[in-house]
Amino acid sequence: MRGLNKVTLIGNLGKDPDVQVLEGNVAVAKFSLATSETYRDKSGRPQTHTDWHSIVLWRGLAELAQAYLRKGSLVYVEGKLKSRHYDDAEGRRHYVTEIVGEQVLMLDRKTGDALPPLSA
């Protein structure tokens, strides 16, 4: 059986996208995305839990994110989970888990003119 690596999130940007242009003129955008859920605790009081996700967008998606997404923007992100590691200058290994976005929909567009979904 084949595997499936699919992530779907709806949340708010924690900061403006950080866009870099790499060798070969390839754009990459990174930003944090907050997703929240609300539940009632044992005493019936509402509690909110927020998770933060690291989002990475490549090429055209990165450029569109730079143009249209800002801190607080409500977005739908669909993509895949990627894990990697690196060694720092002291030789310590660090592990990173990111969502590589393949489709982004802007959900809080204020003007009437609709943009198409942003896709990889």
PDB file of N, CA and C in Angstrom:
ATOM      1  N   MET A   1       0.845  -1.183   0.000  1.00  0.00           N
ATOM      2  CA  MET A   1       0.000   0.000   0.000  1.00  0.00           C
ATOM      3  C   MET A   1       0.884   1.237   0.000  1.00  0.00           C
ATOM      4  N   ARG A   2       0.481   2.242  -0.753  1.00  0.00           N
ATOM      5  CA  ARG A   2       1.199   3.495  -0.806  1.00  0.00           C
ATOM      6  C   ARG A   2       0.885   4.324   0.431  1.00  0.00           C
ATOM      7  N   GLY A   3       1.806   5.183   0.793  1.00  0.00           N
ATOM      8  CA  GLY A   3       1.597   6.060   1.933  1.00  0.00           C
ATOM      9  C   GLY A   3       0.933   7.362   1.526  1.00  0.00           C
ATOM     10  N   LEU A   4       0.496   8.113   2.510  1.00  0.00           N
ATOM     11  CA  LEU A   4      -0.111   9.414   2.279  1.00  0.00           C
ATOM     12  C   LEU A   4       0.487  10.405   3.258  1.00  0.00           C
ATOM     13  N   ASN A   5       1.014  11.502   2.751  1.00  0.00           N
ATOM     14  CA  ASN A   5       1.565  12.560   3.573  1.00  0.00           C
ATOM     15  C   ASN A   5       0.821  13.839   3.205  1.00  0.00           C
ATOM     16  N   LYS A   6      -0.245  14.151   3.923  1.00  0.00           N
ATOM     17  CA  LYS A   6      -1.096  15.294   3.611  1.00  0.00           C
ATOM     18  C   LYS A   6      -1.421  16.037   4.898  1.00  0.00           C
ATOM     19  N   VAL A   7      -1.209  17.351   4.870  1.00  0.00           N
ATOM     20  CA  VAL A   7      -1.521  18.206   6.010  1.00  0.00           C
ATOM     21  C   VAL A   7      -2.462  19.300   5.529  1.00  0.00           C
ATOM     22  N   THR A   8      -3.523  19.554   6.293  1.00  0.00           N
ATOM     23  CA  THR A   8      -4.463  20.626   5.994  1.00  0.00           C
ATOM     24  C   THR A   8      -4.626  21.471   7.251  1.00  0.00           C
ATOM     25  N   LEU A   9      -4.361  22.771   7.129  1.00  0.00           N
ATOM     26  CA  LEU A   9      -4.447  23.676   8.272  1.00  0.00           C
ATOM     27  C   LEU A   9      -5.208  24.933   7.888  1.00  0.00           C
ATOM     28  N   ILE A  10      -5.945  25.481   8.840  1.00  0.00           N
ATOM     29  CA  ILE A  10      -6.519  26.814   8.715  1.00  0.00           C
ATOM     30  C   ILE A  10      -6.077  27.572   9.954  1.00  0.00           C
ATOM     31  N   GLY A  11      -5.414  28.700   9.737  1.00  0.00           N
ATOM     32  CA  GLY A  11      -4.920  29.465  10.873  1.00  0.00           C
ATOM     33  C   GLY A  11      -4.466  30.847  10.472  1.00  0.00           C
ATOM     34  N   ASN A  12      -3.862  31.536  11.441  1.00  0.00           N
ATOM     35  CA  ASN A  12      -3.397  32.902  11.250  1.00  0.00           C
ATOM     36  C   ASN A  12      -1.877  32.965  11.249  1.00  0.00           C
ATOM     37  N   LEU A  13      -1.332  33.792  10.346  1.00  0.00           N
ATOM     38  CA  LEU A  13       0.108  33.984  10.290  1.00  0.00           C
ATOM     39  C   LEU A  13       0.583  34.662  11.563  1.00  0.00           C
ATOM     40  N   GLY A  14       1.668  34.145  12.120  1.00  0.00           N
ATOM     41  CA  GLY A  14       2.249  34.739  13.312  1.00  0.00           C
ATOM     42  C   GLY A  14       3.189  35.883  12.993  1.00  0.00           C
ATOM     43  N   LYS A  15       3.623  35.979  11.743  1.00  0.00           N
ATOM     44  CA  LYS A  15       4.505  37.060  11.301  1.00  0.00           C
ATOM     45  C   LYS A  15       4.405  37.158   9.786  1.00  0.00           C
ATOM     46  N   ASP A  16       4.878  38.261   9.242  1.00  0.00           N
ATOM     47  CA  ASP A  16       4.949  38.392   7.791  1.00  0.00           C
ATOM     48  C   ASP A  16       5.868  37.309   7.242  1.00  0.00           C
ATOM     49  N   PRO A  17       5.598  36.816   6.037  1.00  0.00           N
ATOM     50  CA  PRO A  17       6.486  35.801   5.451  1.00  0.00           C
ATOM     51  C   PRO A  17       7.907  36.341   5.303  1.00  0.00           C
ATOM     52  N   ASP A  18       8.880  35.516   5.650  1.00  0.00           N
ATOM     53  CA  ASP A  18      10.292  35.835   5.460  1.00  0.00           C
ATOM     54  C   ASP A  18      10.702  35.194   4.144  1.00  0.00           C
ATOM     55  N   VAL A  19      10.957  36.005   3.133  1.00  0.00           N
ATOM     56  CA  VAL A  19      11.245  35.493   1.795  1.00  0.00           C
ATOM     57  C   VAL A  19      12.714  35.704   1.471  1.00  0.00           C
ATOM     58  N   GLN A  20      13.337  34.642   0.988  1.00  0.00           N
ATOM     59  CA  GLN A  20      14.724  34.694   0.537  1.00  0.00           C
ATOM     60  C   GLN A  20      14.775  34.189  -0.890  1.00  0.00           C
ATOM     61  N   VAL A  21      15.730  34.694  -1.646  1.00  0.00           N
ATOM     62  CA  VAL A  21      15.944  34.214  -2.999  1.00  0.00           C
ATOM     63  C   VAL A  21      17.254  33.449  -3.002  1.00  0.00           C
ATOM     64  N   LEU A  22      17.171  32.165  -3.328  1.00  0.00           N
ATOM     65  CA  LEU A  22      18.328  31.282  -3.303  1.00  0.00           C
ATOM     66  C   LEU A  22      19.011  31.256  -4.665  1.00  0.00           C
ATOM     67  N   GLU A  23      20.102  30.529  -4.725  1.00  0.00           N
ATOM     68  CA  GLU A  23      20.828  30.357  -5.981  1.00  0.00           C
ATOM     69  C   GLU A  23      19.881  29.848  -7.061  1.00  0.00           C
ATOM     70  N   GLY A  24      20.023  30.362  -8.264  1.00  0.00           N
ATOM     71  CA  GLY A  24      19.140  29.975  -9.352  1.00  0.00           C
ATOM     72  C   GLY A  24      17.843  30.767  -9.355  1.00  0.00           C
ATOM     73  N   ASN A  25      17.800  31.862  -8.558  1.00  0.00           N
ATOM     74  CA  ASN A  25      16.639  32.736  -8.483  1.00  0.00           C
ATOM     75  C   ASN A  25      15.384  32.000  -7.989  1.00  0.00           C
ATOM     76  N   VAL A  26      15.564  31.067  -7.039  1.00  0.00           N
ATOM     77  CA  VAL A  26      14.458  30.301  -6.461  1.00  0.00           C
ATOM     78  C   VAL A  26      14.040  30.968  -5.153  1.00  0.00           C
ATOM     79  N   ALA A  27      12.773  31.383  -5.091  1.00  0.00           N
ATOM     80  CA  ALA A  27      12.254  32.039  -3.889  1.00  0.00           C
ATOM     81  C   ALA A  27      11.738  30.999  -2.904  1.00  0.00           C
ATOM     82  N   VAL A  28      11.984  31.264  -1.612  1.00  0.00           N
ATOM     83  CA  VAL A  28      11.443  30.432  -0.537  1.00  0.00           C
ATOM     84  C   VAL A  28      10.906  31.366   0.552  1.00  0.00           C
ATOM     85  N   ALA A  29       9.679  31.097   0.992  1.00  0.00           N
ATOM     86  CA  ALA A  29       9.043  31.892   2.048  1.00  0.00           C
ATOM     87  C   ALA A  29       8.829  31.006   3.263  1.00  0.00           C
ATOM     88  N   LYS A  30       9.083  31.565   4.437  1.00  0.00           N
ATOM     89  CA  LYS A  30       8.854  30.845   5.686  1.00  0.00           C
ATOM     90  C   LYS A  30       8.049  31.735   6.615  1.00  0.00           C
ATOM     91  N   PHE A  31       7.086  31.127   7.315  1.00  0.00           N
ATOM     92  CA  PHE A  31       6.319  31.852   8.317  1.00  0.00           C
ATOM     93  C   PHE A  31       5.718  30.861   9.295  1.00  0.00           C
ATOM     94  N   SER A  32       5.311  31.385  10.443  1.00  0.00           N
ATOM     95  CA  SER A  32       4.641  30.551  11.439  1.00  0.00           C
ATOM     96  C   SER A  32       3.133  30.718  11.275  1.00  0.00           C
ATOM     97  N   LEU A  33       2.412  29.638  11.531  1.00  0.00           N
ATOM     98  CA  LEU A  33       0.950  29.636  11.420  1.00  0.00           C
ATOM     99  C   LEU A  33       0.378  29.105  12.732  1.00  0.00           C
ATOM    100  N   ALA A  34      -0.557  29.852  13.299  1.00  0.00           N
ATOM    101  CA  ALA A  34      -1.199  29.454  14.559  1.00  0.00           C
ATOM    102  C   ALA A  34      -2.547  28.817  14.276  1.00  0.00           C
ATOM    103  N   THR A  35      -2.770  27.627  14.842  1.00  0.00           N
ATOM    104  CA  THR A  35      -4.083  26.996  14.814  1.00  0.00           C
ATOM    105  C   THR A  35      -4.541  26.864  16.259  1.00  0.00           C
ATOM    106  N   SER A  36      -5.822  27.146  16.494  1.00  0.00           N
ATOM    107  CA  SER A  36      -6.341  27.120  17.859  1.00  0.00           C
ATOM    108  C   SER A  36      -7.579  26.250  17.946  1.00  0.00           C
ATOM    109  N   GLU A  37      -7.734  25.607  19.088  1.00  0.00           N
ATOM    110  CA  GLU A  37      -8.948  24.854  19.358  1.00  0.00           C
ATOM    111  C   GLU A  37      -9.439  25.244  20.746  1.00  0.00           C
ATOM    112  N   THR A  38     -10.752  25.284  20.893  1.00  0.00           N
ATOM    113  CA  THR A  38     -11.362  25.647  22.162  1.00  0.00           C
ATOM    114  C   THR A  38     -12.149  24.454  22.686  1.00  0.00           C
ATOM    115  N   TYR A  39     -12.012  24.227  23.963  1.00  0.00           N
ATOM    116  CA  TYR A  39     -12.714  23.128  24.620  1.00  0.00           C
ATOM    117  C   TYR A  39     -13.103  23.578  26.024  1.00  0.00           C
ATOM    118  N   ARG A  40     -13.945  22.804  26.670  1.00  0.00           N
ATOM    119  CA  ARG A  40     -14.356  23.115  28.044  1.00  0.00           C
ATOM    120  C   ARG A  40     -13.596  22.204  29.013  1.00  0.00           C
ATOM    121  N   ASP A  41     -13.062  22.819  30.071  1.00  0.00           N
ATOM    122  CA  ASP A  41     -12.338  22.033  31.065  1.00  0.00           C
ATOM    123  C   ASP A  41     -13.334  21.335  32.000  1.00  0.00           C
ATOM    124  N   LYS A  42     -12.826  20.655  33.025  1.00  0.00           N
ATOM    125  CA  LYS A  42     -13.677  19.876  33.936  1.00  0.00           C
ATOM    126  C   LYS A  42     -14.740  20.726  34.620  1.00  0.00           C
ATOM    127  N   SER A  43     -14.418  22.000  34.840  1.00  0.00           N
ATOM    128  CA  SER A  43     -15.383  22.881  35.505  1.00  0.00           C
ATOM    129  C   SER A  43     -16.306  23.591  34.514  1.00  0.00           C
ATOM    130  N   GLY A  44     -16.161  23.300  33.216  1.00  0.00           N
ATOM    131  CA  GLY A  44     -17.047  23.880  32.216  1.00  0.00           C
ATOM    132  C   GLY A  44     -16.576  25.198  31.628  1.00  0.00           C
ATOM    133  N   ARG A  45     -15.422  25.674  32.071  1.00  0.00           N
ATOM    134  CA  ARG A  45     -14.898  26.933  31.533  1.00  0.00           C
ATOM    135  C   ARG A  45     -14.225  26.682  30.185  1.00  0.00           C
ATOM    136  N   PRO A  46     -14.427  27.577  29.225  1.00  0.00           N
ATOM    137  CA  PRO A  46     -13.775  27.398  27.927  1.00  0.00           C
ATOM    138  C   PRO A  46     -12.261  27.628  28.030  1.00  0.00           C
ATOM    139  N   GLN A  47     -11.518  26.759  27.398  1.00  0.00           N
ATOM    140  CA  GLN A  47     -10.056  26.858  27.345  1.00  0.00           C
ATOM    141  C   GLN A  47      -9.652  26.854  25.870  1.00  0.00           C
ATOM    142  N   THR A  48      -8.617  27.594  25.550  1.00  0.00           N
ATOM    143  CA  THR A  48      -8.117  27.632  24.177  1.00  0.00           C
ATOM    144  C   THR A  48      -6.678  27.154  24.167  1.00  0.00           C
ATOM    145  N   HIS A  49      -6.383  26.261  23.228  1.00  0.00           N
ATOM    146  CA  HIS A  49      -5.017  25.754  23.044  1.00  0.00           C
ATOM    147  C   HIS A  49      -4.561  26.135  21.642  1.00  0.00           C
ATOM    148  N   THR A  50      -3.396  26.739  21.540  1.00  0.00           N
ATOM    149  CA  THR A  50      -2.856  27.156  20.252  1.00  0.00           C
ATOM    150  C   THR A  50      -1.599  26.363  19.938  1.00  0.00           C
ATOM    151  N   ASP A  51      -1.532  25.830  18.717  1.00  0.00           N
ATOM    152  CA  ASP A  51      -0.332  25.170  18.209  1.00  0.00           C
ATOM    153  C   ASP A  51       0.277  26.055  17.132  1.00  0.00           C
ATOM    154  N   TRP A  52       1.606  26.062  17.075  1.00  0.00           N
ATOM    155  CA  TRP A  52       2.332  26.838  16.073  1.00  0.00           C
ATOM    156  C   TRP A  52       2.993  25.884  15.092  1.00  0.00           C
ATOM    157  N   HIS A  53       2.855  26.190  13.813  1.00  0.00           N
ATOM    158  CA  HIS A  53       3.384  25.350  12.743  1.00  0.00           C
ATOM    159  C   HIS A  53       4.336  26.180  11.883  1.00  0.00           C
ATOM    160  N   SER A  54       5.427  25.561  11.448  1.00  0.00           N
ATOM    161  CA  SER A  54       6.371  26.210  10.539  1.00  0.00           C
ATOM    162  C   SER A  54       5.981  25.862   9.110  1.00  0.00           C
ATOM    163  N   ILE A  55       5.701  26.899   8.313  1.00  0.00           N
ATOM    164  CA  ILE A  55       5.258  26.721   6.937  1.00  0.00           C
ATOM    165  C   ILE A  55       6.373  27.171   6.001  1.00  0.00           C
ATOM    166  N   VAL A  56       6.604  26.397   4.940  1.00  0.00           N
ATOM    167  CA  VAL A  56       7.594  26.738   3.912  1.00  0.00           C
ATOM    168  C   VAL A  56       6.890  26.699   2.559  1.00  0.00           C
ATOM    169  N   LEU A  57       7.062  27.761   1.784  1.00  0.00           N
ATOM    170  CA  LEU A  57       6.502  27.843   0.439  1.00  0.00           C
ATOM    171  C   LEU A  57       7.646  28.094  -0.539  1.00  0.00           C
ATOM    172  N   TRP A  58       7.585  27.478  -1.702  1.00  0.00           N
ATOM    173  CA  TRP A  58       8.651  27.583  -2.697  1.00  0.00           C
ATOM    174  C   TRP A  58       8.179  28.295  -3.951  1.00  0.00           C
ATOM    175  N   ARG A  59       9.107  28.892  -4.636  1.00  0.00           N
ATOM    176  CA  ARG A  59       8.971  29.490  -5.974  1.00  0.00           C
ATOM    177  C   ARG A  59       7.798  30.463  -6.067  1.00  0.00           C
ATOM    178  N   GLY A  60       6.869  30.225  -6.990  1.00  0.00           N
ATOM    179  CA  GLY A  60       5.769  31.149  -7.214  1.00  0.00           C
ATOM    180  C   GLY A  60       4.887  31.344  -5.992  1.00  0.00           C
ATOM    181  N   LEU A  61       4.674  30.279  -5.232  1.00  0.00           N
ATOM    182  CA  LEU A  61       3.891  30.408  -3.996  1.00  0.00           C
ATOM    183  C   LEU A  61       4.572  31.352  -3.022  1.00  0.00           C
ATOM    184  N   ALA A  62       5.898  31.275  -2.938  1.00  0.00           N
ATOM    185  CA  ALA A  62       6.654  32.161  -2.044  1.00  0.00           C
ATOM    186  C   ALA A  62       6.488  33.616  -2.469  1.00  0.00           C
ATOM    187  N   GLU A  63       6.549  33.866  -3.758  1.00  0.00           N
ATOM    188  CA  GLU A  63       6.412  35.228  -4.267  1.00  0.00           C
ATOM    189  C   GLU A  63       5.004  35.772  -4.014  1.00  0.00           C
ATOM    190  N   LEU A  64       3.992  34.945  -4.220  1.00  0.00           N
ATOM    191  CA  LEU A  64       2.622  35.379  -3.961  1.00  0.00           C
ATOM    192  C   LEU A  64       2.392  35.610  -2.469  1.00  0.00           C
ATOM    193  N   ALA A  65       2.966  34.762  -1.626  1.00  0.00           N
ATOM    194  CA  ALA A  65       2.842  34.953  -0.178  1.00  0.00           C
ATOM    195  C   ALA A  65       3.469  36.279   0.237  1.00  0.00           C
ATOM    196  N   GLN A  66       4.620  36.595  -0.342  1.00  0.00           N
ATOM    197  CA  GLN A  66       5.277  37.858  -0.021  1.00  0.00           C
ATOM    198  C   GLN A  66       4.394  39.045  -0.415  1.00  0.00           C
ATOM    199  N   ALA A  67       3.711  38.926  -1.534  1.00  0.00           N
ATOM    200  CA  ALA A  67       2.883  40.028  -2.025  1.00  0.00           C
ATOM    201  C   ALA A  67       1.579  40.188  -1.251  1.00  0.00           C
ATOM    202  N   TYR A  68       0.973  39.089  -0.801  1.00  0.00           N
ATOM    203  CA  TYR A  68      -0.397  39.157  -0.274  1.00  0.00           C
ATOM    204  C   TYR A  68      -0.573  38.783   1.192  1.00  0.00           C
ATOM    205  N   LEU A  69       0.324  38.038   1.784  1.00  0.00           N
ATOM    206  CA  LEU A  69       0.119  37.577   3.160  1.00  0.00           C
ATOM    207  C   LEU A  69       0.838  38.478   4.150  1.00  0.00           C
ATOM    208  N   ARG A  70       0.186  38.734   5.262  1.00  0.00           N
ATOM    209  CA  ARG A  70       0.737  39.562   6.326  1.00  0.00           C
ATOM    210  C   ARG A  70       0.451  38.912   7.672  1.00  0.00           C
ATOM    211  N   LYS A  71       1.159  39.375   8.693  1.00  0.00           N
ATOM    212  CA  LYS A  71       0.906  38.903  10.049  1.00  0.00           C
ATOM    213  C   LYS A  71      -0.580  39.020  10.342  1.00  0.00           C
ATOM    214  N   GLY A  72      -1.181  37.942  10.860  1.00  0.00           N
ATOM    215  CA  GLY A  72      -2.597  37.928  11.202  1.00  0.00           C
ATOM    216  C   GLY A  72      -3.498  37.420  10.093  1.00  0.00           C
ATOM    217  N   SER A  73      -2.993  37.318   8.846  1.00  0.00           N
ATOM    218  CA  SER A  73      -3.816  36.824   7.742  1.00  0.00           C
ATOM    219  C   SER A  73      -4.361  35.440   8.066  1.00  0.00           C
ATOM    220  N   LEU A  74      -5.634  35.229   7.746  1.00  0.00           N
ATOM    221  CA  LEU A  74      -6.258  33.915   7.908  1.00  0.00           C
ATOM    222  C   LEU A  74      -6.085  33.155   6.599  1.00  0.00           C
ATOM    223  N   VAL A  75      -5.445  31.984   6.670  1.00  0.00           N
ATOM    224  CA  VAL A  75      -5.164  31.221   5.453  1.00  0.00           C
ATOM    225  C   VAL A  75      -5.451  29.734   5.654  1.00  0.00           C
ATOM    226  N   TYR A  76      -5.757  29.104   4.530  1.00  0.00           N
ATOM    227  CA  TYR A  76      -5.867  27.647   4.436  1.00  0.00           C
ATOM    228  C   TYR A  76      -4.575  27.198   3.770  1.00  0.00           C
ATOM    229  N   VAL A  77      -3.883  26.247   4.382  1.00  0.00           N
ATOM    230  CA  VAL A  77      -2.643  25.707   3.821  1.00  0.00           C
ATOM    231  C   VAL A  77      -2.797  24.205   3.675  1.00  0.00           C
ATOM    232  N   GLU A  78      -2.497  23.716   2.495  1.00  0.00           N
ATOM    233  CA  GLU A  78      -2.485  22.278   2.237  1.00  0.00           C
ATOM    234  C   GLU A  78      -1.091  21.926   1.755  1.00  0.00           C
ATOM    235  N   GLY A  79      -0.543  20.856   2.300  1.00  0.00           N
ATOM    236  CA  GLY A  79       0.808  20.472   1.907  1.00  0.00           C
ATOM    237  C   GLY A  79       1.204  19.145   2.502  1.00  0.00           C
ATOM    238  N   LYS A  80       2.524  19.002   2.723  1.00  0.00           N
ATOM    239  CA  LYS A  80       3.039  17.748   3.270  1.00  0.00           C
ATOM    240  C   LYS A  80       4.012  18.040   4.400  1.00  0.00           C
ATOM    241  N   LEU A  81       4.112  17.095   5.310  1.00  0.00           N
ATOM    242  CA  LEU A  81       4.995  17.189   6.455  1.00  0.00           C
ATOM    243  C   LEU A  81       6.391  16.749   6.059  1.00  0.00           C
ATOM    244  N   LYS A  82       7.395  17.569   6.401  1.00  0.00           N
ATOM    245  CA  LYS A  82       8.792  17.234   6.103  1.00  0.00           C
ATOM    246  C   LYS A  82       9.612  17.410   7.376  1.00  0.00           C
ATOM    247  N   SER A  83      10.491  16.454   7.629  1.00  0.00           N
ATOM    248  CA  SER A  83      11.413  16.536   8.762  1.00  0.00           C
ATOM    249  C   SER A  83      12.832  16.550   8.229  1.00  0.00           C
ATOM    250  N   ARG A  84      13.688  17.305   8.900  1.00  0.00           N
ATOM    251  CA  ARG A  84      15.100  17.361   8.505  1.00  0.00           C
ATOM    252  C   ARG A  84      15.921  17.636   9.754  1.00  0.00           C
ATOM    253  N   HIS A  85      17.216  17.526   9.612  1.00  0.00           N
ATOM    254  CA  HIS A  85      18.103  17.847  10.729  1.00  0.00           C
ATOM    255  C   HIS A  85      19.334  18.557  10.194  1.00  0.00           C
ATOM    256  N   TYR A  86      19.990  19.266  11.119  1.00  0.00           N
ATOM    257  CA  TYR A  86      21.248  19.934  10.787  1.00  0.00           C
ATOM    258  C   TYR A  86      22.104  19.977  12.041  1.00  0.00           C
ATOM    259  N   ASP A  87      23.390  20.158  11.847  1.00  0.00           N
ATOM    260  CA  ASP A  87      24.336  20.276  12.953  1.00  0.00           C
ATOM    261  C   ASP A  87      24.779  21.726  13.051  1.00  0.00           C
ATOM    262  N   ASP A  88      24.738  22.276  14.267  1.00  0.00           N
ATOM    263  CA  ASP A  88      25.143  23.666  14.448  1.00  0.00           C
ATOM    264  C   ASP A  88      26.665  23.763  14.560  1.00  0.00           C
ATOM    265  N   ALA A  89      27.161  24.965  14.785  1.00  0.00           N
ATOM    266  CA  ALA A  89      28.606  25.212  14.821  1.00  0.00           C
ATOM    267  C   ALA A  89      29.303  24.422  15.932  1.00  0.00           C
ATOM    268  N   GLU A  90      28.571  24.122  17.018  1.00  0.00           N
ATOM    269  CA  GLU A  90      29.150  23.352  18.128  1.00  0.00           C
ATOM    270  C   GLU A  90      28.991  21.854  17.921  1.00  0.00           C
ATOM    271  N   GLY A  91      28.439  21.447  16.788  1.00  0.00           N
ATOM    272  CA  GLY A  91      28.282  20.025  16.490  1.00  0.00           C
ATOM    273  C   GLY A  91      27.021  19.397  17.056  1.00  0.00           C
ATOM    274  N   ARG A  92      26.122  20.214  17.628  1.00  0.00           N
ATOM    275  CA  ARG A  92      24.875  19.685  18.168  1.00  0.00           C
ATOM    276  C   ARG A  92      23.871  19.496  17.043  1.00  0.00           C
ATOM    277  N   ARG A  93      23.177  18.393  17.053  1.00  0.00           N
ATOM    278  CA  ARG A  93      22.176  18.086  16.035  1.00  0.00           C
ATOM    279  C   ARG A  93      20.831  18.693  16.425  1.00  0.00           C
ATOM    280  N   HIS A  94      20.193  19.351  15.465  1.00  0.00           N
ATOM    281  CA  HIS A  94      18.871  19.944  15.650  1.00  0.00           C
ATOM    282  C   HIS A  94      17.914  19.308  14.653  1.00  0.00           C
ATOM    283  N   TYR A  95      16.689  19.056  15.106  1.00  0.00           N
ATOM    284  CA  TYR A  95      15.658  18.469  14.256  1.00  0.00           C
ATOM    285  C   TYR A  95      14.577  19.506  13.994  1.00  0.00           C
ATOM    286  N   VAL A  96      14.105  19.564  12.767  1.00  0.00           N
ATOM    287  CA  VAL A  96      13.096  20.541  12.348  1.00  0.00           C
ATOM    288  C   VAL A  96      11.986  19.797  11.621  1.00  0.00           C
ATOM    289  N   THR A  97      10.744  20.118  11.964  1.00  0.00           N
ATOM    290  CA  THR A  97       9.584  19.588  11.250  1.00  0.00           C
ATOM    291  C   THR A  97       8.826  20.778  10.676  1.00  0.00           C
ATOM    292  N   GLU A  98       8.567  20.733   9.363  1.00  0.00           N
ATOM    293  CA  GLU A  98       7.909  21.834   8.664  1.00  0.00           C
ATOM    294  C   GLU A  98       6.785  21.296   7.787  1.00  0.00           C
ATOM    295  N   ILE A  99       5.869  22.175   7.446  1.00  0.00           N
ATOM    296  CA  ILE A  99       4.852  21.860   6.451  1.00  0.00           C
ATOM    297  C   ILE A  99       5.261  22.568   5.168  1.00  0.00           C
ATOM    298  N   VAL A 100       5.487  21.796   4.114  1.00  0.00           N
ATOM    299  CA  VAL A 100       5.800  22.368   2.807  1.00  0.00           C
ATOM    300  C   VAL A 100       4.469  22.574   2.099  1.00  0.00           C
ATOM    301  N   GLY A 101       4.083  23.835   1.944  1.00  0.00           N
ATOM    302  CA  GLY A 101       2.791  24.165   1.363  1.00  0.00           C
ATOM    303  C   GLY A 101       2.748  23.914  -0.131  1.00  0.00           C
ATOM    304  N   GLU A 102       1.650  23.302  -0.567  1.00  0.00           N
ATOM    305  CA  GLU A 102       1.426  23.049  -1.987  1.00  0.00           C
ATOM    306  C   GLU A 102       0.242  23.849  -2.503  1.00  0.00           C
ATOM    307  N   GLN A 103      -0.636  24.290  -1.588  1.00  0.00           N
ATOM    308  CA  GLN A 103      -1.767  25.140  -1.949  1.00  0.00           C
ATOM    309  C   GLN A 103      -2.065  26.058  -0.774  1.00  0.00           C
ATOM    310  N   VAL A 104      -2.351  27.319  -1.086  1.00  0.00           N
ATOM    311  CA  VAL A 104      -2.682  28.308  -0.059  1.00  0.00           C
ATOM    312  C   VAL A 104      -3.903  29.079  -0.533  1.00  0.00           C
ATOM    313  N   LEU A 105      -4.886  29.210   0.363  1.00  0.00           N
ATOM    314  CA  LEU A 105      -6.068  30.023   0.084  1.00  0.00           C
ATOM    315  C   LEU A 105      -6.137  31.143   1.115  1.00  0.00           C
ATOM    316  N   MET A 106      -6.297  32.367   0.648  1.00  0.00           N
ATOM    317  CA  MET A 106      -6.451  33.501   1.550  1.00  0.00           C
ATOM    318  C   MET A 106      -7.915  33.581   1.943  1.00  0.00           C
ATOM    319  N   LEU A 107      -8.211  33.498   3.232  1.00  0.00           N
ATOM    320  CA  LEU A 107      -9.591  33.421   3.702  1.00  0.00           C
ATOM    321  C   LEU A 107     -10.147  34.737   4.215  1.00  0.00           C
ATOM    322  N   ASP A 108      -9.300  35.722   4.436  1.00  0.00           N
ATOM    323  CA  ASP A 108      -9.800  36.981   5.002  1.00  0.00           C
ATOM    324  C   ASP A 108      -9.670  38.137   4.025  1.00  0.00           C
ATOM    325  N   ARG A 109      -9.772  37.867   2.764  1.00  0.00           N
ATOM    326  CA  ARG A 109      -9.670  38.913   1.730  1.00  0.00           C
ATOM    327  C   ARG A 109     -10.762  39.951   1.958  1.00  0.00           C
ATOM    328  N   LYS A 110     -10.377  41.206   2.053  1.00  0.00           N
ATOM    329  CA  LYS A 110     -11.317  42.278   2.384  1.00  0.00           C
ATOM    330  C   LYS A 110     -11.999  42.876   1.161  1.00  0.00           C
ATOM    331  N   THR A 111     -11.341  42.823  -0.006  1.00  0.00           N
ATOM    332  CA  THR A 111     -11.928  43.442  -1.185  1.00  0.00           C
ATOM    333  C   THR A 111     -12.786  42.421  -1.936  1.00  0.00           C
ATOM    334  N   GLY A 112     -13.610  42.901  -2.849  1.00  0.00           N
ATOM    335  CA  GLY A 112     -14.515  42.035  -3.583  1.00  0.00           C
ATOM    336  C   GLY A 112     -13.853  41.262  -4.703  1.00  0.00           C
ATOM    337  N   ASP A 113     -12.674  41.701  -5.167  1.00  0.00           N
ATOM    338  CA  ASP A 113     -12.051  41.010  -6.288  1.00  0.00           C
ATOM    339  C   ASP A 113     -11.322  39.765  -5.791  1.00  0.00           C
ATOM    340  N   ALA A 114     -11.766  38.624  -6.249  1.00  0.00           N
ATOM    341  CA  ALA A 114     -11.240  37.351  -5.764  1.00  0.00           C
ATOM    342  C   ALA A 114      -9.989  36.966  -6.538  1.00  0.00           C
ATOM    343  N   LEU A 115      -9.031  36.436  -5.833  1.00  0.00           N
ATOM    344  CA  LEU A 115      -7.825  35.903  -6.444  1.00  0.00           C
ATOM    345  C   LEU A 115      -7.977  34.387  -6.533  1.00  0.00           C
ATOM    346  N   PRO A 116      -7.377  33.766  -7.515  1.00  0.00           N
ATOM    347  CA  PRO A 116      -7.433  32.313  -7.564  1.00  0.00           C
ATOM    348  C   PRO A 116      -6.623  31.713  -6.420  1.00  0.00           C
ATOM    349  N   PRO A 117      -6.864  30.448  -6.075  1.00  0.00           N
ATOM    350  CA  PRO A 117      -6.064  29.799  -5.035  1.00  0.00           C
ATOM    351  C   PRO A 117      -4.600  29.788  -5.455  1.00  0.00           C
ATOM    352  N   LEU A 118      -3.724  29.929  -4.490  1.00  0.00           N
ATOM    353  CA  LEU A 118      -2.300  29.869  -4.743  1.00  0.00           C
ATOM    354  C   LEU A 118      -1.880  28.416  -4.700  1.00  0.00           C
ATOM    355  N   SER A 119      -1.331  27.885  -5.780  1.00  0.00           N
ATOM    356  CA  SER A 119      -0.932  26.481  -5.838  1.00  0.00           C
ATOM    357  C   SER A 119       0.489  26.348  -6.307  1.00  0.00           C
ATOM    358  N   ALA A 120       1.145  25.281  -5.854  1.00  0.00           N
ATOM    359  CA  ALA A 120       2.521  25.003  -6.263  1.00  0.00           C
ATOM    360  C   ALA A 120       2.553  24.467  -7.671  1.00  0.00           C
TER     361      ALA A 120
END
